[in-house]
Each structure stands twice: as structure tokens, then as C-alpha cells.
């Protein structure tokens, strides 16, 4: 009986640490992806992104369904679904 209680307690403790780690990871991603004027906002068209930020350093063509494409700028990367921004993230130093 004590072994069962210990096992249950261990599983609860382990499970809560995983959930906490997931929340921290998501919080970090959300904080890094907030549109603060330095990156295109969600929903912005490709034409408006190029007009505001210039020609990207590189463009990866659309892949999958729905088609997702990627434009890389010096300081951030923009992901598009069809012709509109779905996410823009700041590059981390030292990562290409």
C-alpha cells in the first residue's frame, strides 16, 4: 500500500514538472514572438512586408498544404501561410 502511494506521488510530481516545463517553453516563445514594431504583425501581406522591411536575404518557397513559406531577414524570420504572415521570430545570436 505504501508503494502505491509513493508511486502515485512520484507520478504526480513528475507530471507536474513536465507541465511546468511546457508552460515555461511556451511563455518563452510567446515573449519572443510579440509584434513590437521590429517584425511584421500576423496577417500582414507579403507585399506590405517587403514594402516595409525590404527584400529578404533569402526566400524559401511554399511547402505543404496549406502552403507555408519562409522569408529570412538579417534579424528575424517571417513565416507565411499563402500570402499572409502567420509568425515572425527574432533570430537568436549565433544561429543561422
PDB file of N, CA and C in Angstrom:
ATOM      1  N   UNK A   1       0.812  -1.188   0.000  1.00  0.00           N
ATOM      2  CA  UNK A   1       0.000   0.000   0.000  1.00  0.00           C
ATOM      3  C   UNK A   1       0.863   1.262   0.000  1.00  0.00           C
ATOM      4  N   UNK A   2       1.899   1.306   0.800  1.00  0.00           N
ATOM      5  CA  UNK A   2       2.797   2.451   0.806  1.00  0.00           C
ATOM      6  C   UNK A   2       3.490   2.623  -0.530  1.00  0.00           C
ATOM      7  N   UNK A   3       3.821   1.510  -1.189  1.00  0.00           N
ATOM      8  CA  UNK A   3       4.468   1.585  -2.503  1.00  0.00           C
ATOM      9  C   UNK A   3       3.534   2.237  -3.515  1.00  0.00           C
ATOM     10  N   UNK A   4       2.241   1.933  -3.417  1.00  0.00           N
ATOM     11  CA  UNK A   4       1.268   2.536  -4.325  1.00  0.00           C
ATOM     12  C   UNK A   4       1.152   4.029  -4.117  1.00  0.00           C
ATOM     13  N   UNK A   5       1.169   4.462  -2.878  1.00  0.00           N
ATOM     14  CA  UNK A   5       1.098   5.893  -2.570  1.00  0.00           C
ATOM     15  C   UNK A   5       2.357   6.592  -3.060  1.00  0.00           C
ATOM     16  N   UNK A   6       3.516   5.960  -2.832  1.00  0.00           N
ATOM     17  CA  UNK A   6       4.769   6.545  -3.303  1.00  0.00           C
ATOM     18  C   UNK A   6       4.790   6.658  -4.826  1.00  0.00           C
ATOM     19  N   UNK A   7       4.320   5.606  -5.501  1.00  0.00           N
ATOM     20  CA  UNK A   7       4.284   5.628  -6.964  1.00  0.00           C
ATOM     21  C   UNK A   7       3.350   6.733  -7.458  1.00  0.00           C
ATOM     22  N   UNK A   8       2.189   6.853  -6.856  1.00  0.00           N
ATOM     23  CA  UNK A   8       1.246   7.899  -7.235  1.00  0.00           C
ATOM     24  C   UNK A   8       1.854   9.283  -7.014  1.00  0.00           C
ATOM     25  N   UNK A   9       2.474   9.476  -5.862  1.00  0.00           N
ATOM     26  CA  UNK A   9       3.110  10.756  -5.558  1.00  0.00           C
ATOM     27  C   UNK A   9       4.220  11.061  -6.562  1.00  0.00           C
ATOM     28  N   UNK A  10       5.041  10.052  -6.887  1.00  0.00           N
ATOM     29  CA  UNK A  10       6.133  10.244  -7.843  1.00  0.00           C
ATOM     30  C   UNK A  10       5.583  10.622  -9.218  1.00  0.00           C
ATOM     31  N   UNK A  11       4.510   9.959  -9.640  1.00  0.00           N
ATOM     32  CA  UNK A  11       3.921  10.282 -10.947  1.00  0.00           C
ATOM     33  C   UNK A  11       3.343  11.698 -10.964  1.00  0.00           C
ATOM     34  N   UNK A  12       2.688  12.087  -9.879  1.00  0.00           N
ATOM     35  CA  UNK A  12       2.153  13.447  -9.804  1.00  0.00           C
ATOM     36  C   UNK A  12       3.275  14.480  -9.825  1.00  0.00           C
ATOM     37  N   UNK A  13       4.319  14.205  -9.076  1.00  0.00           N
ATOM     38  CA  UNK A  13       5.452  15.128  -9.030  1.00  0.00           C
ATOM     39  C   UNK A  13       6.120  15.225 -10.393  1.00  0.00           C
ATOM     40  N   UNK A  14       6.348  14.089 -11.044  1.00  0.00           N
ATOM     41  CA  UNK A  14       6.978  14.061 -12.359  1.00  0.00           C
ATOM     42  C   UNK A  14       6.084  14.743 -13.394  1.00  0.00           C
ATOM     43  N   UNK A  15       4.796  14.430 -13.364  1.00  0.00           N
ATOM     44  CA  UNK A  15       3.859  15.016 -14.318  1.00  0.00           C
ATOM     45  C   UNK A  15       3.768  16.526 -14.189  1.00  0.00           C
ATOM     46  N   UNK A  16       3.799  17.031 -12.953  1.00  0.00           N
ATOM     47  CA  UNK A  16       3.707  18.478 -12.776  1.00  0.00           C
ATOM     48  C   UNK A  16       4.971  19.178 -13.254  1.00  0.00           C
ATOM     49  N   UNK A  17       6.119  18.536 -13.139  1.00  0.00           N
ATOM     50  CA  UNK A  17       7.346  19.173 -13.617  1.00  0.00           C
ATOM     51  C   UNK A  17       7.367  19.243 -15.132  1.00  0.00           C
ATOM     52  N   UNK A  18       6.780  18.262 -15.800  1.00  0.00           N
ATOM     53  CA  UNK A  18       6.698  18.305 -17.260  1.00  0.00           C
ATOM     54  C   UNK A  18       5.759  19.439 -17.680  1.00  0.00           C
ATOM     55  N   UNK A  19       4.607  19.525 -17.043  1.00  0.00           N
ATOM     56  CA  UNK A  19       3.656  20.588 -17.390  1.00  0.00           C
ATOM     57  C   UNK A  19       4.270  21.959 -17.156  1.00  0.00           C
ATOM     58  N   UNK A  20       5.000  22.105 -16.084  1.00  0.00           N
ATOM     59  CA  UNK A  20       5.625  23.382 -15.790  1.00  0.00           C
ATOM     60  C   UNK A  20       6.670  23.718 -16.842  1.00  0.00           C
ATOM     61  N   UNK A  21       7.443  22.740 -17.267  1.00  0.00           N
ATOM     62  CA  UNK A  21       8.446  22.971 -18.304  1.00  0.00           C
ATOM     63  C   UNK A  21       7.771  23.362 -19.618  1.00  0.00           C
ATOM     64  N   UNK A  22       6.668  22.727 -19.961  1.00  0.00           N
ATOM     65  CA  UNK A  22       5.951  23.081 -21.180  1.00  0.00           C
ATOM     66  C   UNK A  22       5.444  24.517 -21.119  1.00  0.00           C
ATOM     67  N   UNK A  23       4.927  24.922 -19.995  1.00  0.00           N
ATOM     68  CA  UNK A  23       4.424  26.282 -19.848  1.00  0.00           C
ATOM     69  C   UNK A  23       5.558  27.283 -19.996  1.00  0.00           C
ATOM     70  N   UNK A  24       6.696  27.003 -19.370  1.00  0.00           N
ATOM     71  CA  UNK A  24       7.834  27.908 -19.481  1.00  0.00           C
ATOM     72  C   UNK A  24       8.303  28.030 -20.915  1.00  0.00           C
ATOM     73  N   UNK A  25       8.350  26.929 -21.635  1.00  0.00           N
ATOM     74  CA  UNK A  25       8.772  26.955 -23.027  1.00  0.00           C
ATOM     75  C   UNK A  25       7.802  27.789 -23.853  1.00  0.00           C
ATOM     76  N   UNK A  26       6.525  27.576 -23.671  1.00  0.00           N
ATOM     77  CA  UNK A  26       5.543  28.352 -24.421  1.00  0.00           C
ATOM     78  C   UNK A  26       5.599  29.829 -24.062  1.00  0.00           C
ATOM     79  N   UNK A  27       5.797  30.139 -22.784  1.00  0.00           N
ATOM     80  CA  UNK A  27       5.929  31.533 -22.393  1.00  0.00           C
ATOM     81  C   UNK A  27       7.123  32.172 -23.091  1.00  0.00           C
ATOM     82  N   UNK A  28       8.233  31.459 -23.191  1.00  0.00           N
ATOM     83  CA  UNK A  28       9.415  31.979 -23.861  1.00  0.00           C
ATOM     84  C   UNK A  28       9.176  32.236 -25.329  1.00  0.00           C
ATOM     85  N   UNK A  29       8.456  31.342 -25.975  1.00  0.00           N
ATOM     86  CA  UNK A  29       8.155  31.518 -27.396  1.00  0.00           C
ATOM     87  C   UNK A  29       7.226  32.705 -27.586  1.00  0.00           C
ATOM     88  N   UNK A  30       6.195  32.805 -26.758  1.00  0.00           N
ATOM     89  CA  UNK A  30       5.266  33.924 -26.880  1.00  0.00           C
ATOM     90  C   UNK A  30       5.977  35.255 -26.680  1.00  0.00           C
ATOM     91  N   UNK A  31       6.848  35.337 -25.691  1.00  0.00           N
ATOM     92  CA  UNK A  31       7.560  36.583 -25.416  1.00  0.00           C
ATOM     93  C   UNK A  31       8.466  36.966 -26.571  1.00  0.00           C
ATOM     94  N   UNK A  32       9.069  35.980 -27.223  1.00  0.00           N
ATOM     95  CA  UNK A  32       9.985  36.253 -28.327  1.00  0.00           C
ATOM     96  C   UNK A  32       9.239  36.630 -29.606  1.00  0.00           C
ATOM     97  N   UNK A  33       7.958  36.289 -29.696  1.00  0.00           N
ATOM     98  CA  UNK A  33       7.249  36.493 -30.950  1.00  0.00           C
ATOM     99  C   UNK A  33       6.264  37.657 -30.915  1.00  0.00           C
ATOM    100  N   UNK A  34       6.237  38.422 -29.868  1.00  0.00           N
ATOM    101  CA  UNK A  34       5.319  39.553 -29.769  1.00  0.00           C
ATOM    102  C   UNK A  34       5.716  40.603 -30.807  1.00  0.00           C
ATOM    103  N   UNK A  35       4.724  41.034 -31.568  1.00  0.00           N
ATOM    104  CA  UNK A  35       4.998  42.068 -32.566  1.00  0.00           C
ATOM    105  C   UNK A  35       5.259  43.378 -31.849  1.00  0.00           C
ATOM    106  N   UNK A  36       6.467  43.910 -31.972  1.00  0.00           N
ATOM    107  CA  UNK A  36       6.817  45.139 -31.267  1.00  0.00           C
ATOM    108  C   UNK A  36       7.304  46.216 -32.217  1.00  0.00           C
ATOM    109  N   UNK A  37       6.937  46.113 -33.484  1.00  0.00           N
ATOM    110  CA  UNK A  37       7.335  47.109 -34.450  1.00  0.00           C
ATOM    111  C   UNK A  37       8.623  46.764 -35.163  1.00  0.00           C
ATOM    112  N   UNK A  38       9.332  45.775 -34.689  1.00  0.00           N
ATOM    113  CA  UNK A  38      10.578  45.378 -35.327  1.00  0.00           C
ATOM    114  C   UNK A  38      10.385  44.199 -36.271  1.00  0.00           C
ATOM    115  N   UNK A  39       9.201  43.601 -36.220  1.00  0.00           N
ATOM    116  CA  UNK A  39       8.880  42.474 -37.090  1.00  0.00           C
ATOM    117  C   UNK A  39       7.469  42.667 -37.632  1.00  0.00           C
ATOM    118  N   UNK A  40       7.157  42.012 -38.751  1.00  0.00           N
ATOM    119  CA  UNK A  40       5.796  42.124 -39.295  1.00  0.00           C
ATOM    120  C   UNK A  40       4.766  41.499 -38.360  1.00  0.00           C
ATOM    121  N   UNK A  41       3.597  42.084 -38.307  1.00  0.00           N
ATOM    122  CA  UNK A  41       2.495  41.573 -37.491  1.00  0.00           C
ATOM    123  C   UNK A  41       1.770  40.457 -38.227  1.00  0.00           C
ATOM    124  N   UNK A  42       1.172  39.567 -37.462  1.00  0.00           N
ATOM    125  CA  UNK A  42       0.358  38.480 -38.026  1.00  0.00           C
ATOM    126  C   UNK A  42      -0.714  39.070 -38.934  1.00  0.00           C
ATOM    127  N   UNK A  43      -0.901  38.449 -40.098  1.00  0.00           N
ATOM    128  CA  UNK A  43      -1.921  38.889 -41.038  1.00  0.00           C
ATOM    129  C   UNK A  43      -1.427  39.861 -42.095  1.00  0.00           C
ATOM    130  N   UNK A  44      -0.210  40.386 -41.940  1.00  0.00           N
ATOM    131  CA  UNK A  44       0.347  41.322 -42.915  1.00  0.00           C
ATOM    132  C   UNK A  44       0.620  40.588 -44.221  1.00  0.00           C
ATOM    133  N   UNK A  45       0.322  41.215 -45.345  1.00  0.00           N
ATOM    134  CA  UNK A  45       0.543  40.581 -46.645  1.00  0.00           C
ATOM    135  C   UNK A  45       2.033  40.586 -47.012  1.00  0.00           C
ATOM    136  N   UNK A  46       2.398  39.695 -47.905  1.00  0.00           N
ATOM    137  CA  UNK A  46       3.789  39.635 -48.390  1.00  0.00           C
ATOM    138  C   UNK A  46       4.207  40.968 -48.991  1.00  0.00           C
ATOM    139  N   UNK A  47       3.320  41.579 -49.766  1.00  0.00           N
ATOM    140  CA  UNK A  47       3.641  42.866 -50.401  1.00  0.00           C
ATOM    141  C   UNK A  47       3.948  43.939 -49.359  1.00  0.00           C
ATOM    142  N   UNK A  48       3.161  43.987 -48.292  1.00  0.00           N
ATOM    143  CA  UNK A  48       3.378  45.002 -47.254  1.00  0.00           C
ATOM    144  C   UNK A  48       4.653  44.721 -46.463  1.00  0.00           C
ATOM    145  N   UNK A  49       4.964  43.423 -46.233  1.00  0.00           N
ATOM    146  CA  UNK A  49       6.207  43.080 -45.534  1.00  0.00           C
ATOM    147  C   UNK A  49       7.400  43.562 -46.348  1.00  0.00           C
ATOM    148  N   UNK A  50       7.385  43.264 -47.645  1.00  0.00           N
ATOM    149  CA  UNK A  50       8.501  43.678 -48.495  1.00  0.00           C
ATOM    150  C   UNK A  50       8.587  45.199 -48.605  1.00  0.00           C
ATOM    151  N   UNK A  51       7.438  45.866 -48.672  1.00  0.00           N
ATOM    152  CA  UNK A  51       7.446  47.331 -48.756  1.00  0.00           C
ATOM    153  C   UNK A  51       8.026  47.956 -47.485  1.00  0.00           C
ATOM    154  N   UNK A  52       7.730  47.382 -46.338  1.00  0.00           N
ATOM    155  CA  UNK A  52       8.196  47.972 -45.075  1.00  0.00           C
ATOM    156  C   UNK A  52       9.613  47.552 -44.710  1.00  0.00           C
ATOM    157  N   UNK A  53       9.959  46.258 -44.927  1.00  0.00           N
ATOM    158  CA  UNK A  53      11.242  45.737 -44.454  1.00  0.00           C
ATOM    159  C   UNK A  53      12.255  45.494 -45.566  1.00  0.00           C
ATOM    160  N   UNK A  54      11.852  45.677 -46.809  1.00  0.00           N
ATOM    161  CA  UNK A  54      12.753  45.488 -47.927  1.00  0.00           C
ATOM    162  C   UNK A  54      12.787  44.044 -48.397  1.00  0.00           C
ATOM    163  N   UNK A  55      13.678  43.804 -49.345  1.00  0.00           N
ATOM    164  CA  UNK A  55      13.826  42.464 -49.920  1.00  0.00           C
ATOM    165  C   UNK A  55      14.506  41.567 -48.887  1.00  0.00           C
ATOM    166  N   UNK A  56      13.964  40.364 -48.651  1.00  0.00           N
ATOM    167  CA  UNK A  56      14.584  39.475 -47.669  1.00  0.00           C
ATOM    168  C   UNK A  56      15.936  38.954 -48.152  1.00  0.00           C
ATOM    169  N   UNK A  57      16.752  38.520 -47.198  1.00  0.00           N
ATOM    170  CA  UNK A  57      18.055  37.927 -47.522  1.00  0.00           C
ATOM    171  C   UNK A  57      17.848  36.645 -48.324  1.00  0.00           C
ATOM    172  N   UNK A  58      16.838  35.859 -47.941  1.00  0.00           N
ATOM    173  CA  UNK A  58      16.506  34.637 -48.686  1.00  0.00           C
ATOM    174  C   UNK A  58      15.018  34.355 -48.559  1.00  0.00           C
ATOM    175  N   UNK A  59      14.514  33.593 -49.540  1.00  0.00           N
ATOM    176  CA  UNK A  59      13.110  33.169 -49.544  1.00  0.00           C
ATOM    177  C   UNK A  59      13.063  31.674 -49.795  1.00  0.00           C
ATOM    178  N   UNK A  60      12.367  30.958 -48.922  1.00  0.00           N
ATOM    179  CA  UNK A  60      12.122  29.536 -49.151  1.00  0.00           C
ATOM    180  C   UNK A  60      10.710  29.401 -49.680  1.00  0.00           C
ATOM    181  N   UNK A  61      10.572  28.676 -50.782  1.00  0.00           N
ATOM    182  CA  UNK A  61       9.273  28.513 -51.416  1.00  0.00           C
ATOM    183  C   UNK A  61       8.279  27.781 -50.546  1.00  0.00           C
ATOM    184  N   UNK A  62       7.017  27.879 -50.943  1.00  0.00           N
ATOM    185  CA  UNK A  62       5.927  27.273 -50.182  1.00  0.00           C
ATOM    186  C   UNK A  62       6.033  25.754 -50.171  1.00  0.00           C
ATOM    187  N   UNK A  63       5.728  25.197 -48.992  1.00  0.00           N
ATOM    188  CA  UNK A  63       5.766  23.748 -48.794  1.00  0.00           C
ATOM    189  C   UNK A  63       4.501  23.336 -48.067  1.00  0.00           C
ATOM    190  N   UNK A  64       3.910  22.205 -48.469  1.00  0.00           N
ATOM    191  CA  UNK A  64       2.782  21.628 -47.741  1.00  0.00           C
ATOM    192  C   UNK A  64       1.446  22.214 -48.105  1.00  0.00           C
ATOM    193  N   UNK A  65       0.446  21.771 -47.356  1.00  0.00           N
ATOM    194  CA  UNK A  65      -0.918  22.229 -47.552  1.00  0.00           C
ATOM    195  C   UNK A  65      -1.514  22.526 -46.191  1.00  0.00           C
ATOM    196  N   UNK A  66      -1.828  23.709 -45.804  1.00  0.00           N
ATOM    197  CA  UNK A  66      -1.716  24.909 -46.617  1.00  0.00           C
ATOM    198  C   UNK A  66      -0.254  25.257 -46.878  1.00  0.00           C
ATOM    199  N   UNK A  67       0.002  25.968 -47.967  1.00  0.00           N
ATOM    200  CA  UNK A  67       1.390  26.301 -48.301  1.00  0.00           C
ATOM    201  C   UNK A  67       2.007  27.266 -47.294  1.00  0.00           C
ATOM    202  N   UNK A  68       3.147  26.862 -46.731  1.00  0.00           N
ATOM    203  CA  UNK A  68       3.882  27.684 -45.772  1.00  0.00           C
ATOM    204  C   UNK A  68       5.214  28.061 -46.407  1.00  0.00           C
ATOM    205  N   UNK A  69       5.514  29.343 -46.450  1.00  0.00           N
ATOM    206  CA  UNK A  69       6.794  29.807 -46.980  1.00  0.00           C
ATOM    207  C   UNK A  69       7.517  30.601 -45.902  1.00  0.00           C
ATOM    208  N   UNK A  70       8.810  30.804 -46.134  1.00  0.00           N
ATOM    209  CA  UNK A  70       9.669  31.421 -45.115  1.00  0.00           C
ATOM    210  C   UNK A  70      10.553  32.462 -45.766  1.00  0.00           C
ATOM    211  N   UNK A  71      10.575  33.651 -45.192  1.00  0.00           N
ATOM    212  CA  UNK A  71      11.486  34.702 -45.634  1.00  0.00           C
ATOM    213  C   UNK A  71      12.443  34.999 -44.501  1.00  0.00           C
ATOM    214  N   UNK A  72      13.705  35.101 -44.839  1.00  0.00           N
ATOM    215  CA  UNK A  72      14.718  35.387 -43.824  1.00  0.00           C
ATOM    216  C   UNK A  72      15.270  36.788 -44.024  1.00  0.00           C
ATOM    217  N   UNK A  73      15.249  37.555 -42.936  1.00  0.00           N
ATOM    218  CA  UNK A  73      15.865  38.874 -42.896  1.00  0.00           C
ATOM    219  C   UNK A  73      17.083  38.796 -41.982  1.00  0.00           C
ATOM    220  N   UNK A  74      17.848  39.852 -41.896  1.00  0.00           N
ATOM    221  CA  UNK A  74      19.071  39.840 -41.091  1.00  0.00           C
ATOM    222  C   UNK A  74      18.788  39.530 -39.622  1.00  0.00           C
ATOM    223  N   UNK A  75      17.713  40.091 -39.070  1.00  0.00           N
ATOM    224  CA  UNK A  75      17.449  39.949 -37.635  1.00  0.00           C
ATOM    225  C   UNK A  75      16.240  39.095 -37.283  1.00  0.00           C
ATOM    226  N   UNK A  76      15.446  38.710 -38.272  1.00  0.00           N
ATOM    227  CA  UNK A  76      14.243  37.926 -37.977  1.00  0.00           C
ATOM    228  C   UNK A  76      13.860  37.073 -39.179  1.00  0.00           C
ATOM    229  N   UNK A  77      12.956  36.129 -38.924  1.00  0.00           N
ATOM    230  CA  UNK A  77      12.431  35.239 -39.957  1.00  0.00           C
ATOM    231  C   UNK A  77      10.916  35.363 -39.943  1.00  0.00           C
ATOM    232  N   UNK A  78      10.334  35.404 -41.127  1.00  0.00           N
ATOM    233  CA  UNK A  78       8.881  35.551 -41.262  1.00  0.00           C
ATOM    234  C   UNK A  78       8.333  34.294 -41.937  1.00  0.00           C
ATOM    235  N   UNK A  79       7.256  33.750 -41.353  1.00  0.00           N
ATOM    236  CA  UNK A  79       6.576  32.581 -41.918  1.00  0.00           C
ATOM    237  C   UNK A  79       5.221  33.025 -42.440  1.00  0.00           C
ATOM    238  N   UNK A  80       4.902  32.595 -43.666  1.00  0.00           N
ATOM    239  CA  UNK A  80       3.648  32.951 -44.318  1.00  0.00           C
ATOM    240  C   UNK A  80       2.812  31.712 -44.575  1.00  0.00           C
ATOM    241  N   UNK A  81       1.505  31.869 -44.442  1.00  0.00           N
ATOM    242  CA  UNK A  81       0.560  30.870 -44.938  1.00  0.00           C
ATOM    243  C   UNK A  81      -0.140  31.542 -46.104  1.00  0.00           C
ATOM    244  N   UNK A  82      -0.032  30.947 -47.276  1.00  0.00           N
ATOM    245  CA  UNK A  82      -0.469  31.596 -48.511  1.00  0.00           C
ATOM    246  C   UNK A  82       0.302  32.912 -48.627  1.00  0.00           C
ATOM    247  N   UNK A  83      -0.371  34.043 -48.578  1.00  0.00           N
ATOM    248  CA  UNK A  83       0.272  35.348 -48.770  1.00  0.00           C
ATOM    249  C   UNK A  83       0.322  36.204 -47.502  1.00  0.00           C
ATOM    250  N   UNK A  84       0.024  35.603 -46.342  1.00  0.00           N
ATOM    251  CA  UNK A  84      -0.060  36.408 -45.116  1.00  0.00           C
ATOM    252  C   UNK A  84       0.814  35.861 -43.993  1.00  0.00           C
ATOM    253  N   UNK A  85       1.354  36.774 -43.190  1.00  0.00           N
ATOM    254  CA  UNK A  85       2.217  36.412 -42.067  1.00  0.00           C
ATOM    255  C   UNK A  85       1.427  35.603 -41.042  1.00  0.00           C
ATOM    256  N   UNK A  86       2.010  34.469 -40.635  1.00  0.00           N
ATOM    257  CA  UNK A  86       1.435  33.715 -39.528  1.00  0.00           C
ATOM    258  C   UNK A  86       2.337  33.790 -38.295  1.00  0.00           C
ATOM    259  N   UNK A  87       3.630  34.105 -38.520  1.00  0.00           N
ATOM    260  CA  UNK A  87       4.561  34.188 -37.393  1.00  0.00           C
ATOM    261  C   UNK A  87       5.825  34.907 -37.845  1.00  0.00           C
ATOM    262  N   UNK A  88       6.378  35.714 -36.967  1.00  0.00           N
ATOM    263  CA  UNK A  88       7.665  36.362 -37.220  1.00  0.00           C
ATOM    264  C   UNK A  88       8.481  36.261 -35.944  1.00  0.00           C
ATOM    265  N   UNK A  89       9.685  35.724 -36.053  1.00  0.00           N
ATOM    266  CA  UNK A  89      10.506  35.494 -34.869  1.00  0.00           C
ATOM    267  C   UNK A  89      11.878  36.134 -35.032  1.00  0.00           C
ATOM    268  N   UNK A  90      12.386  36.633 -33.924  1.00  0.00           N
ATOM    269  CA  UNK A  90      13.728  37.211 -33.898  1.00  0.00           C
ATOM    270  C   UNK A  90      14.747  36.078 -33.922  1.00  0.00           C
ATOM    271  N   UNK A  91      15.809  36.266 -34.701  1.00  0.00           N
ATOM    272  CA  UNK A  91      16.891  35.285 -34.730  1.00  0.00           C
ATOM    273  C   UNK A  91      17.666  35.364 -33.426  1.00  0.00           C
ATOM    274  N   UNK A  92      18.108  34.235 -32.946  1.00  0.00           N
ATOM    275  CA  UNK A  92      18.961  34.230 -31.775  1.00  0.00           C
ATOM    276  C   UNK A  92      20.399  34.400 -32.237  1.00  0.00           C
ATOM    277  N   UNK A  93      21.202  35.144 -31.487  1.00  0.00           N
ATOM    278  CA  UNK A  93      22.602  35.347 -31.882  1.00  0.00           C
ATOM    279  C   UNK A  93      23.337  34.012 -32.058  1.00  0.00           C
ATOM    280  N   UNK A  94      24.092  33.928 -33.140  1.00  0.00           N
ATOM    281  CA  UNK A  94      24.888  32.729 -33.386  1.00  0.00           C
ATOM    282  C   UNK A  94      24.155  31.612 -34.079  1.00  0.00           C
ATOM    283  N   UNK A  95      22.849  31.781 -34.368  1.00  0.00           N
ATOM    284  CA  UNK A  95      22.081  30.748 -35.042  1.00  0.00           C
ATOM    285  C   UNK A  95      21.698  31.283 -36.413  1.00  0.00           C
ATOM    286  N   UNK A  96      21.989  30.517 -37.451  1.00  0.00           N
ATOM    287  CA  UNK A  96      21.657  30.945 -38.810  1.00  0.00           C
ATOM    288  C   UNK A  96      20.387  30.309 -39.284  1.00  0.00           C
TER     289      UNK A  96
END
